[in-house]
Amino acid sequence: DKRMTNPRVLPAVRGEILDRHGVALATSVEAYDVVANPQN
């Protein structure tokens, strides 16, 4: 229990919005949230 990290959210990837031919009008690209574990 002491070694277990706090529960972390695994974000779902938001769906794309496409035009009628499949061209992306809105999409999601890889990114990262930066966090700190103060105890470490």
PDB file of all heavy atoms in Angstrom:
ATOM      1  N   ASP A   1       0.820  -1.204   0.000  1.00  0.00           N
ATOM      2  CA  ASP A   1       0.000   0.000   0.000  1.00  0.00           C
ATOM      3  C   ASP A   1       0.862   1.265   0.000  1.00  0.00           C
ATOM      4  O   ASP A   1       0.563   2.243  -0.664  1.00  0.00           O
ATOM      5  CB  ASP A   1      -0.931  -0.006   1.212  1.00  0.00           C
ATOM      6  CG  ASP A   1      -1.880   1.186   1.204  1.00  0.00           C
ATOM      7  OD1 ASP A   1      -2.703   1.274   0.281  1.00  0.00           O
ATOM      8  OD2 ASP A   1      -1.776   2.027   2.125  1.00  0.00           O
ATOM      9  N   LYS A   2       1.962   1.219   0.766  1.00  0.00           N
ATOM     10  CA  LYS A   2       2.836   2.381   0.829  1.00  0.00           C
ATOM     11  C   LYS A   2       3.574   2.609  -0.497  1.00  0.00           C
ATOM     12  O   LYS A   2       3.925   3.725  -0.832  1.00  0.00           O
ATOM     13  CB  LYS A   2       3.844   2.218   1.968  1.00  0.00           C
ATOM     14  CG  LYS A   2       3.217   2.362   3.342  1.00  0.00           C
ATOM     15  CD  LYS A   2       4.258   2.219   4.442  1.00  0.00           C
ATOM     16  CE  LYS A   2       3.616   2.387   5.821  1.00  0.00           C
ATOM     17  NZ  LYS A   2       4.618   2.245   6.902  1.00  0.00           N
ATOM     18  N   ARG A   3       3.824   1.490  -1.208  1.00  0.00           N
ATOM     19  CA  ARG A   3       4.528   1.626  -2.478  1.00  0.00           C
ATOM     20  C   ARG A   3       3.602   1.942  -3.645  1.00  0.00           C
ATOM     21  O   ARG A   3       4.047   2.340  -4.707  1.00  0.00           O
ATOM     22  CB  ARG A   3       5.298   0.327  -2.790  1.00  0.00           C
ATOM     23  CG  ARG A   3       6.482   0.078  -1.875  1.00  0.00           C
ATOM     24  CD  ARG A   3       7.385  -1.001  -2.451  1.00  0.00           C
ATOM     25  NE  ARG A   3       6.698  -2.288  -2.585  1.00  0.00           N
ATOM     26  CZ  ARG A   3       6.668  -3.207  -1.639  1.00  0.00           C
ATOM     27  NH1 ARG A   3       7.281  -3.002  -0.480  1.00  0.00           N
ATOM     28  NH2 ARG A   3       6.052  -4.342  -1.838  1.00  0.00           N
ATOM     29  N   MET A   4       2.284   1.758  -3.415  1.00  0.00           N
ATOM     30  CA  MET A   4       1.332   2.025  -4.504  1.00  0.00           C
ATOM     31  C   MET A   4       1.226   3.521  -4.751  1.00  0.00           C
ATOM     32  O   MET A   4       1.138   4.324  -3.820  1.00  0.00           O
ATOM     33  CB  MET A   4      -0.052   1.465  -4.164  1.00  0.00           C
ATOM     34  CG  MET A   4      -0.114  -0.051  -4.135  1.00  0.00           C
ATOM     35  SD  MET A   4       0.194  -0.834  -5.739  1.00  0.00           S
ATOM     36  CE  MET A   4      -1.375  -0.527  -6.552  1.00  0.00           C
ATOM     37  N   THR A   5       1.232   3.892  -5.991  1.00  0.00           N
ATOM     38  CA  THR A   5       1.056   5.296  -6.358  1.00  0.00           C
ATOM     39  C   THR A   5      -0.405   5.695  -6.166  1.00  0.00           C
ATOM     40  O   THR A   5      -1.298   4.841  -6.067  1.00  0.00           O
ATOM     41  CB  THR A   5       1.422   5.522  -7.834  1.00  0.00           C
ATOM     42  OG1 THR A   5       0.572   4.710  -8.653  1.00  0.00           O
ATOM     43  CG2 THR A   5       2.873   5.172  -8.092  1.00  0.00           C
ATOM     44  N   ASN A   6      -0.650   6.980  -6.124  1.00  0.00           N
ATOM     45  CA  ASN A   6      -2.037   7.447  -6.130  1.00  0.00           C
ATOM     46  C   ASN A   6      -2.693   7.041  -7.446  1.00  0.00           C
ATOM     47  O   ASN A   6      -2.032   7.003  -8.488  1.00  0.00           O
ATOM     48  CB  ASN A   6      -2.098   8.965  -5.983  1.00  0.00           C
ATOM     49  CG  ASN A   6      -1.701   9.419  -4.595  1.00  0.00           C
ATOM     50  OD1 ASN A   6      -1.823   8.675  -3.633  1.00  0.00           O
ATOM     51  ND2 ASN A   6      -1.230  10.655  -4.503  1.00  0.00           N
ATOM     52  N   PRO A   7      -3.999   6.730  -7.434  1.00  0.00           N
ATOM     53  CA  PRO A   7      -4.667   6.360  -8.690  1.00  0.00           C
ATOM     54  C   PRO A   7      -4.499   7.463  -9.736  1.00  0.00           C
ATOM     55  O   PRO A   7      -4.680   8.638  -9.447  1.00  0.00           O
ATOM     56  CB  PRO A   7      -6.137   6.209  -8.275  1.00  0.00           C
ATOM     57  CG  PRO A   7      -6.083   5.908  -6.812  1.00  0.00           C
ATOM     58  CD  PRO A   7      -4.918   6.683  -6.285  1.00  0.00           C
ATOM     59  N   ARG A   8      -4.098   7.069 -10.924  1.00  0.00           N
ATOM     60  CA  ARG A   8      -3.905   8.014 -12.017  1.00  0.00           C
ATOM     61  C   ARG A   8      -4.963   7.782 -13.089  1.00  0.00           C
ATOM     62  O   ARG A   8      -5.285   6.632 -13.414  1.00  0.00           O
ATOM     63  CB  ARG A   8      -2.514   7.851 -12.627  1.00  0.00           C
ATOM     64  CG  ARG A   8      -1.387   8.022 -11.625  1.00  0.00           C
ATOM     65  CD  ARG A   8      -1.251   9.487 -11.213  1.00  0.00           C
ATOM     66  NE  ARG A   8      -0.274   9.648 -10.152  1.00  0.00           N
ATOM     67  CZ  ARG A   8       1.025   9.746 -10.351  1.00  0.00           C
ATOM     68  NH1 ARG A   8       1.507   9.652 -11.569  1.00  0.00           N
ATOM     69  NH2 ARG A   8       1.838   9.914  -9.333  1.00  0.00           N
ATOM     70  N   VAL A   9      -5.464   8.865 -13.632  1.00  0.00           N
ATOM     71  CA  VAL A   9      -6.439   8.758 -14.724  1.00  0.00           C
ATOM     72  C   VAL A   9      -5.717   8.375 -16.003  1.00  0.00           C
ATOM     73  O   VAL A   9      -4.671   8.930 -16.342  1.00  0.00           O
ATOM     74  CB  VAL A   9      -7.186  10.089 -14.918  1.00  0.00           C
ATOM     75  CG1 VAL A   9      -8.084  10.031 -16.151  1.00  0.00           C
ATOM     76  CG2 VAL A   9      -8.011  10.424 -13.692  1.00  0.00           C
ATOM     77  N   LEU A  10      -6.272   7.416 -16.705  1.00  0.00           N
ATOM     78  CA  LEU A  10      -5.796   7.074 -18.048  1.00  0.00           C
ATOM     79  C   LEU A  10      -6.791   7.699 -19.033  1.00  0.00           C
ATOM     80  O   LEU A  10      -7.884   7.162 -19.241  1.00  0.00           O
ATOM     81  CB  LEU A  10      -5.747   5.555 -18.232  1.00  0.00           C
ATOM     82  CG  LEU A  10      -4.809   4.797 -17.292  1.00  0.00           C
ATOM     83  CD1 LEU A  10      -4.894   3.291 -17.556  1.00  0.00           C
ATOM     84  CD2 LEU A  10      -3.374   5.286 -17.450  1.00  0.00           C
ATOM     85  N   PRO A  11      -6.453   8.848 -19.597  1.00  0.00           N
ATOM     86  CA  PRO A  11      -7.429   9.574 -20.403  1.00  0.00           C
ATOM     87  C   PRO A  11      -7.813   8.814 -21.672  1.00  0.00           C
ATOM     88  O   PRO A  11      -6.956   8.255 -22.361  1.00  0.00           O
ATOM     89  CB  PRO A  11      -6.706  10.885 -20.754  1.00  0.00           C
ATOM     90  CG  PRO A  11      -5.551  10.969 -19.816  1.00  0.00           C
ATOM     91  CD  PRO A  11      -5.174   9.560 -19.509  1.00  0.00           C
ATOM     92  N   ALA A  12      -9.104   8.829 -21.964  1.00  0.00           N
ATOM     93  CA  ALA A  12      -9.568   8.303 -23.245  1.00  0.00           C
ATOM     94  C   ALA A  12      -9.206   9.313 -24.341  1.00  0.00           C
ATOM     95  O   ALA A  12      -9.185  10.518 -24.101  1.00  0.00           O
ATOM     96  CB  ALA A  12     -11.085   8.100 -23.208  1.00  0.00           C
ATOM     97  N   VAL A  13      -8.892   8.813 -25.509  1.00  0.00           N
ATOM     98  CA  VAL A  13      -8.587   9.692 -26.637  1.00  0.00           C
ATOM     99  C   VAL A  13      -9.905  10.175 -27.243  1.00  0.00           C
ATOM    100  O   VAL A  13     -10.775   9.375 -27.585  1.00  0.00           O
ATOM    101  CB  VAL A  13      -7.755   8.967 -27.702  1.00  0.00           C
ATOM    102  CG1 VAL A  13      -7.515   9.877 -28.909  1.00  0.00           C
ATOM    103  CG2 VAL A  13      -6.424   8.517 -27.111  1.00  0.00           C
ATOM    104  N   ARG A  14     -10.053  11.485 -27.337  1.00  0.00           N
ATOM    105  CA  ARG A  14     -11.278  12.066 -27.880  1.00  0.00           C
ATOM    106  C   ARG A  14     -11.400  11.732 -29.363  1.00  0.00           C
ATOM    107  O   ARG A  14     -10.432  11.758 -30.114  1.00  0.00           O
ATOM    108  CB  ARG A  14     -11.252  13.581 -27.680  1.00  0.00           C
ATOM    109  CG  ARG A  14     -12.577  14.286 -27.965  1.00  0.00           C
ATOM    110  CD  ARG A  14     -12.488  15.756 -27.545  1.00  0.00           C
ATOM    111  NE  ARG A  14     -13.731  16.476 -27.814  1.00  0.00           N
ATOM    112  CZ  ARG A  14     -14.765  16.502 -26.993  1.00  0.00           C
ATOM    113  NH1 ARG A  14     -14.702  15.838 -25.848  1.00  0.00           N
ATOM    114  NH2 ARG A  14     -15.872  17.179 -27.280  1.00  0.00           N
ATOM    115  N   GLY A  15     -12.598  11.392 -29.777  1.00  0.00           N
ATOM    116  CA  GLY A  15     -12.839  11.055 -31.180  1.00  0.00           C
ATOM    117  C   GLY A  15     -12.594  12.232 -32.104  1.00  0.00           C
ATOM    118  O   GLY A  15     -12.639  13.393 -31.708  1.00  0.00           O
ATOM    119  N   GLU A  16     -12.344  11.939 -33.359  1.00  0.00           N
ATOM    120  CA  GLU A  16     -12.103  12.975 -34.355  1.00  0.00           C
ATOM    121  C   GLU A  16     -13.424  13.484 -34.929  1.00  0.00           C
ATOM    122  O   GLU A  16     -14.438  12.790 -34.906  1.00  0.00           O
ATOM    123  CB  GLU A  16     -11.244  12.436 -35.496  1.00  0.00           C
ATOM    124  CG  GLU A  16      -9.831  12.071 -35.086  1.00  0.00           C
ATOM    125  CD  GLU A  16      -8.981  11.660 -36.273  1.00  0.00           C
ATOM    126  OE1 GLU A  16      -9.456  10.813 -37.065  1.00  0.00           O
ATOM    127  OE2 GLU A  16      -7.862  12.175 -36.416  1.00  0.00           O
ATOM    128  N   ILE A  17     -13.399  14.705 -35.444  1.00  0.00           N
ATOM    129  CA  ILE A  17     -14.506  15.234 -36.239  1.00  0.00           C
ATOM    130  C   ILE A  17     -13.996  15.333 -37.662  1.00  0.00           C
ATOM    131  O   ILE A  17     -12.967  15.976 -37.926  1.00  0.00           O
ATOM    132  CB  ILE A  17     -14.962  16.612 -35.728  1.00  0.00           C
ATOM    133  CG1 ILE A  17     -15.464  16.503 -34.283  1.00  0.00           C
ATOM    134  CG2 ILE A  17     -16.066  17.178 -36.620  1.00  0.00           C
ATOM    135  CD1 ILE A  17     -15.891  17.828 -33.666  1.00  0.00           C
ATOM    136  N   LEU A  18     -14.666  14.659 -38.577  1.00  0.00           N
ATOM    137  CA  LEU A  18     -14.197  14.511 -39.951  1.00  0.00           C
ATOM    138  C   LEU A  18     -15.174  15.126 -40.942  1.00  0.00           C
ATOM    139  O   LEU A  18     -16.371  15.212 -40.665  1.00  0.00           O
ATOM    140  CB  LEU A  18     -14.023  13.021 -40.282  1.00  0.00           C
ATOM    141  CG  LEU A  18     -13.220  12.194 -39.271  1.00  0.00           C
ATOM    142  CD1 LEU A  18     -13.382  10.704 -39.570  1.00  0.00           C
ATOM    143  CD2 LEU A  18     -11.761  12.581 -39.307  1.00  0.00           C
ATOM    144  N   ASP A  19     -14.676  15.518 -42.096  1.00  0.00           N
ATOM    145  CA  ASP A  19     -15.588  15.944 -43.153  1.00  0.00           C
ATOM    146  C   ASP A  19     -16.138  14.687 -43.831  1.00  0.00           C
ATOM    147  O   ASP A  19     -15.781  13.554 -43.459  1.00  0.00           O
ATOM    148  CB  ASP A  19     -14.903  16.913 -44.123  1.00  0.00           C
ATOM    149  CG  ASP A  19     -14.209  16.240 -45.297  1.00  0.00           C
ATOM    150  OD1 ASP A  19     -13.813  15.059 -45.166  1.00  0.00           O
ATOM    151  OD2 ASP A  19     -14.052  16.894 -46.348  1.00  0.00           O
ATOM    152  N   ARG A  20     -16.987  14.841 -44.808  1.00  0.00           N
ATOM    153  CA  ARG A  20     -17.680  13.697 -45.406  1.00  0.00           C
ATOM    154  C   ARG A  20     -16.712  12.739 -46.109  1.00  0.00           C
ATOM    155  O   ARG A  20     -17.051  11.577 -46.372  1.00  0.00           O
ATOM    156  CB  ARG A  20     -18.771  14.168 -46.355  1.00  0.00           C
ATOM    157  CG  ARG A  20     -18.293  14.907 -47.572  1.00  0.00           C
ATOM    158  CD  ARG A  20     -19.463  15.521 -48.376  1.00  0.00           C
ATOM    159  NE  ARG A  20     -20.391  14.511 -48.828  1.00  0.00           N
ATOM    160  CZ  ARG A  20     -21.648  14.396 -48.387  1.00  0.00           C
ATOM    161  NH1 ARG A  20     -22.107  15.238 -47.467  1.00  0.00           N
ATOM    162  NH2 ARG A  20     -22.441  13.468 -48.853  1.00  0.00           N
ATOM    163  N   HIS A  21     -15.488  13.194 -46.430  1.00  0.00           N
ATOM    164  CA  HIS A  21     -14.507  12.352 -47.103  1.00  0.00           C
ATOM    165  C   HIS A  21     -13.446  11.819 -46.145  1.00  0.00           C
ATOM    166  O   HIS A  21     -12.451  11.228 -46.575  1.00  0.00           O
ATOM    167  CB  HIS A  21     -13.833  13.142 -48.224  1.00  0.00           C
ATOM    168  CG  HIS A  21     -14.800  13.701 -49.224  1.00  0.00           C
ATOM    169  ND1 HIS A  21     -15.605  12.912 -50.016  1.00  0.00           N
ATOM    170  CD2 HIS A  21     -15.115  14.998 -49.540  1.00  0.00           C
ATOM    171  CE1 HIS A  21     -16.361  13.682 -50.790  1.00  0.00           C
ATOM    172  NE2 HIS A  21     -16.083  14.939 -50.510  1.00  0.00           N
ATOM    173  N   GLY A  22     -13.613  12.048 -44.848  1.00  0.00           N
ATOM    174  CA  GLY A  22     -12.674  11.534 -43.864  1.00  0.00           C
ATOM    175  C   GLY A  22     -11.522  12.462 -43.548  1.00  0.00           C
ATOM    176  O   GLY A  22     -10.577  12.068 -42.848  1.00  0.00           O
ATOM    177  N   VAL A  23     -11.580  13.703 -44.026  1.00  0.00           N
ATOM    178  CA  VAL A  23     -10.540  14.686 -43.723  1.00  0.00           C
ATOM    179  C   VAL A  23     -10.792  15.246 -42.326  1.00  0.00           C
ATOM    180  O   VAL A  23     -11.908  15.660 -42.000  1.00  0.00           O
ATOM    181  CB  VAL A  23     -10.534  15.828 -44.756  1.00  0.00           C
ATOM    182  CG1 VAL A  23      -9.477  16.870 -44.399  1.00  0.00           C
ATOM    183  CG2 VAL A  23     -10.287  15.266 -46.152  1.00  0.00           C
ATOM    184  N   ALA A  24      -9.742  15.270 -41.491  1.00  0.00           N
ATOM    185  CA  ALA A  24      -9.894  15.690 -40.098  1.00  0.00           C
ATOM    186  C   ALA A  24     -10.129  17.191 -39.989  1.00  0.00           C
ATOM    187  O   ALA A  24      -9.344  17.996 -40.495  1.00  0.00           O
ATOM    188  CB  ALA A  24      -8.671  15.302 -39.296  1.00  0.00           C
ATOM    189  N   LEU A  25     -11.218  17.548 -39.314  1.00  0.00           N
ATOM    190  CA  LEU A  25     -11.491  18.944 -38.971  1.00  0.00           C
ATOM    191  C   LEU A  25     -11.129  19.202 -37.510  1.00  0.00           C
ATOM    192  O   LEU A  25     -10.862  20.336 -37.121  1.00  0.00           O
ATOM    193  CB  LEU A  25     -12.972  19.262 -39.213  1.00  0.00           C
ATOM    194  CG  LEU A  25     -13.479  19.058 -40.646  1.00  0.00           C
ATOM    195  CD1 LEU A  25     -14.984  19.286 -40.716  1.00  0.00           C
ATOM    196  CD2 LEU A  25     -12.749  19.972 -41.621  1.00  0.00           C
ATOM    197  N   ALA A  26     -11.144  18.140 -36.706  1.00  0.00           N
ATOM    198  CA  ALA A  26     -10.714  18.207 -35.305  1.00  0.00           C
ATOM    199  C   ALA A  26     -10.117  16.858 -34.946  1.00  0.00           C
ATOM    200  O   ALA A  26     -10.694  15.808 -35.261  1.00  0.00           O
ATOM    201  CB  ALA A  26     -11.886  18.525 -34.388  1.00  0.00           C
ATOM    202  N   THR A  27      -8.952  16.875 -34.314  1.00  0.00           N
ATOM    203  CA  THR A  27      -8.301  15.625 -33.951  1.00  0.00           C
ATOM    204  C   THR A  27      -7.533  15.825 -32.655  1.00  0.00           C
ATOM    205  O   THR A  27      -7.433  16.942 -32.145  1.00  0.00           O
ATOM    206  CB  THR A  27      -7.351  15.150 -35.077  1.00  0.00           C
ATOM    207  OG1 THR A  27      -6.888  13.831 -34.785  1.00  0.00           O
ATOM    208  CG2 THR A  27      -6.158  16.084 -35.240  1.00  0.00           C
ATOM    209  N   SER A  28      -7.005  14.735 -32.111  1.00  0.00           N
ATOM    210  CA  SER A  28      -6.231  14.797 -30.870  1.00  0.00           C
ATOM    211  C   SER A  28      -4.837  14.246 -31.130  1.00  0.00           C
ATOM    212  O   SER A  28      -4.691  13.201 -31.770  1.00  0.00           O
ATOM    213  CB  SER A  28      -6.921  13.992 -29.766  1.00  0.00           C
ATOM    214  OG  SER A  28      -8.178  14.562 -29.449  1.00  0.00           O
ATOM    215  N   VAL A  29      -3.832  14.957 -30.647  1.00  0.00           N
ATOM    216  CA  VAL A  29      -2.441  14.530 -30.829  1.00  0.00           C
ATOM    217  C   VAL A  29      -1.837  14.182 -29.472  1.00  0.00           C
ATOM    218  O   VAL A  29      -2.331  14.612 -28.431  1.00  0.00           O
ATOM    219  CB  VAL A  29      -1.606  15.627 -31.517  1.00  0.00           C
ATOM    220  CG1 VAL A  29      -2.121  15.888 -32.919  1.00  0.00           C
ATOM    221  CG2 VAL A  29      -1.607  16.919 -30.702  1.00  0.00           C
ATOM    222  N   GLU A  30      -0.745  13.406 -29.495  1.00  0.00           N
ATOM    223  CA  GLU A  30      -0.094  12.947 -28.267  1.00  0.00           C
ATOM    224  C   GLU A  30       0.403  14.132 -27.438  1.00  0.00           C
ATOM    225  O   GLU A  30       0.986  15.087 -27.957  1.00  0.00           O
ATOM    226  CB  GLU A  30       1.083  12.048 -28.627  1.00  0.00           C
ATOM    227  CG  GLU A  30       1.824  11.478 -27.424  1.00  0.00           C
ATOM    228  CD  GLU A  30       2.997  10.609 -27.836  1.00  0.00           C
ATOM    229  OE1 GLU A  30       3.127  10.305 -29.047  1.00  0.00           O
ATOM    230  OE2 GLU A  30       3.788  10.245 -26.947  1.00  0.00           O
ATOM    231  N   ALA A  31       0.160  14.061 -26.151  1.00  0.00           N
ATOM    232  CA  ALA A  31       0.629  15.087 -25.219  1.00  0.00           C
ATOM    233  C   ALA A  31       0.831  14.438 -23.849  1.00  0.00           C
ATOM    234  O   ALA A  31       0.465  13.268 -23.642  1.00  0.00           O
ATOM    235  CB  ALA A  31      -0.375  16.231 -25.130  1.00  0.00           C
ATOM    236  N   TYR A  32       1.435  15.193 -22.921  1.00  0.00           N
ATOM    237  CA  TYR A  32       1.718  14.666 -21.587  1.00  0.00           C
ATOM    238  C   TYR A  32       1.411  15.710 -20.524  1.00  0.00           C
ATOM    239  O   TYR A  32       1.707  16.894 -20.701  1.00  0.00           O
ATOM    240  CB  TYR A  32       3.195  14.249 -21.468  1.00  0.00           C
ATOM    241  CG  TYR A  32       3.555  13.059 -22.319  1.00  0.00           C
ATOM    242  CD1 TYR A  32       3.931  13.235 -23.646  1.00  0.00           C
ATOM    243  CD2 TYR A  32       3.481  11.777 -21.811  1.00  0.00           C
ATOM    244  CE1 TYR A  32       4.245  12.145 -24.444  1.00  0.00           C
ATOM    245  CE2 TYR A  32       3.793  10.679 -22.601  1.00  0.00           C
ATOM    246  CZ  TYR A  32       4.178  10.868 -23.920  1.00  0.00           C
ATOM    247  OH  TYR A  32       4.483   9.786 -24.697  1.00  0.00           O
ATOM    248  N   ASP A  33       0.811  15.238 -19.427  1.00  0.00           N
ATOM    249  CA  ASP A  33       0.691  16.070 -18.235  1.00  0.00           C
ATOM    250  C   ASP A  33       1.948  15.859 -17.393  1.00  0.00           C
ATOM    251  O   ASP A  33       2.382  14.712 -17.192  1.00  0.00           O
ATOM    252  CB  ASP A  33      -0.543  15.677 -17.412  1.00  0.00           C
ATOM    253  CG  ASP A  33      -1.844  16.097 -18.089  1.00  0.00           C
ATOM    254  OD1 ASP A  33      -1.786  16.905 -19.031  1.00  0.00           O
ATOM    255  OD2 ASP A  33      -2.909  15.608 -17.662  1.00  0.00           O
ATOM    256  N   VAL A  34       2.540  16.948 -16.924  1.00  0.00           N
ATOM    257  CA  VAL A  34       3.747  16.869 -16.091  1.00  0.00           C
ATOM    258  C   VAL A  34       3.324  16.997 -14.633  1.00  0.00           C
ATOM    259  O   VAL A  34       2.668  17.977 -14.251  1.00  0.00           O
ATOM    260  CB  VAL A  34       4.748  17.981 -16.447  1.00  0.00           C
ATOM    261  CG1 VAL A  34       6.032  17.806 -15.640  1.00  0.00           C
ATOM    262  CG2 VAL A  34       5.051  17.969 -17.937  1.00  0.00           C
ATOM    263  N   VAL A  35       3.688  16.001 -13.820  1.00  0.00           N
ATOM    264  CA  VAL A  35       3.330  16.015 -12.406  1.00  0.00           C
ATOM    265  C   VAL A  35       4.589  15.728 -11.579  1.00  0.00           C
ATOM    266  O   VAL A  35       5.602  15.252 -12.093  1.00  0.00           O
ATOM    267  CB  VAL A  35       2.236  14.971 -12.076  1.00  0.00           C
ATOM    268  CG1 VAL A  35       0.986  15.233 -12.879  1.00  0.00           C
ATOM    269  CG2 VAL A  35       2.755  13.555 -12.335  1.00  0.00           C
ATOM    270  N   ALA A  36       4.505  16.019 -10.309  1.00  0.00           N
ATOM    271  CA  ALA A  36       5.611  15.730  -9.388  1.00  0.00           C
ATOM    272  C   ALA A  36       5.090  14.876  -8.238  1.00  0.00           C
ATOM    273  O   ALA A  36       3.958  15.076  -7.776  1.00  0.00           O
ATOM    274  CB  ALA A  36       6.213  17.018  -8.845  1.00  0.00           C
ATOM    275  N   ASN A  37       5.909  13.928  -7.817  1.00  0.00           N
ATOM    276  CA  ASN A  37       5.669  13.206  -6.562  1.00  0.00           C
ATOM    277  C   ASN A  37       6.599  13.848  -5.535  1.00  0.00           C
ATOM    278  O   ASN A  37       7.813  13.547  -5.503  1.00  0.00           O
ATOM    279  CB  ASN A  37       5.981  11.726  -6.703  1.00  0.00           C
ATOM    280  CG  ASN A  37       5.670  10.950  -5.435  1.00  0.00           C
ATOM    281  OD1 ASN A  37       5.607  11.527  -4.333  1.00  0.00           O
ATOM    282  ND2 ASN A  37       5.469   9.646  -5.570  1.00  0.00           N
ATOM    283  N   PRO A  38       6.095  14.792  -4.725  1.00  0.00           N
ATOM    284  CA  PRO A  38       6.961  15.551  -3.801  1.00  0.00           C
ATOM    285  C   PRO A  38       7.813  14.672  -2.892  1.00  0.00           C
ATOM    286  O   PRO A  38       8.911  15.077  -2.489  1.00  0.00           O
ATOM    287  CB  PRO A  38       5.965  16.391  -3.004  1.00  0.00           C
ATOM    288  CG  PRO A  38       4.794  16.556  -3.935  1.00  0.00           C
ATOM    289  CD  PRO A  38       4.694  15.239  -4.640  1.00  0.00           C
ATOM    290  N   GLN A  39       7.333  13.459  -2.570  1.00  0.00           N
ATOM    291  CA  GLN A  39       8.087  12.594  -1.674  1.00  0.00           C
ATOM    292  C   GLN A  39       9.368  12.061  -2.331  1.00  0.00           C
ATOM    293  O   GLN A  39      10.289  11.632  -1.643  1.00  0.00           O
ATOM    294  CB  GLN A  39       7.211  11.421  -1.213  1.00  0.00           C
ATOM    295  CG  GLN A  39       5.889  11.833  -0.590  1.00  0.00           C
ATOM    296  CD  GLN A  39       6.044  12.894   0.492  1.00  0.00           C
ATOM    297  OE1 GLN A  39       6.878  12.753   1.390  1.00  0.00           O
ATOM    298  NE2 GLN A  39       5.273  13.972   0.397  1.00  0.00           N
ATOM    299  N   ASN A  40       9.394  12.114  -3.658  1.00  0.00           N
ATOM    300  CA  ASN A  40      10.564  11.608  -4.374  1.00  0.00           C
ATOM    301  C   ASN A  40      11.472  12.724  -4.898  1.00  0.00           C
ATOM    302  O   ASN A  40      12.480  12.441  -5.546  1.00  0.00           O
ATOM    303  CB  ASN A  40      10.130  10.720  -5.536  1.00  0.00           C
ATOM    304  CG  ASN A  40       9.464   9.443  -5.063  1.00  0.00           C
ATOM    305  OD1 ASN A  40       9.761   8.948  -3.971  1.00  0.00           O
ATOM    306  ND2 ASN A  40       8.558   8.913  -5.868  1.00  0.00           N
TER     307      ASN A  40
END
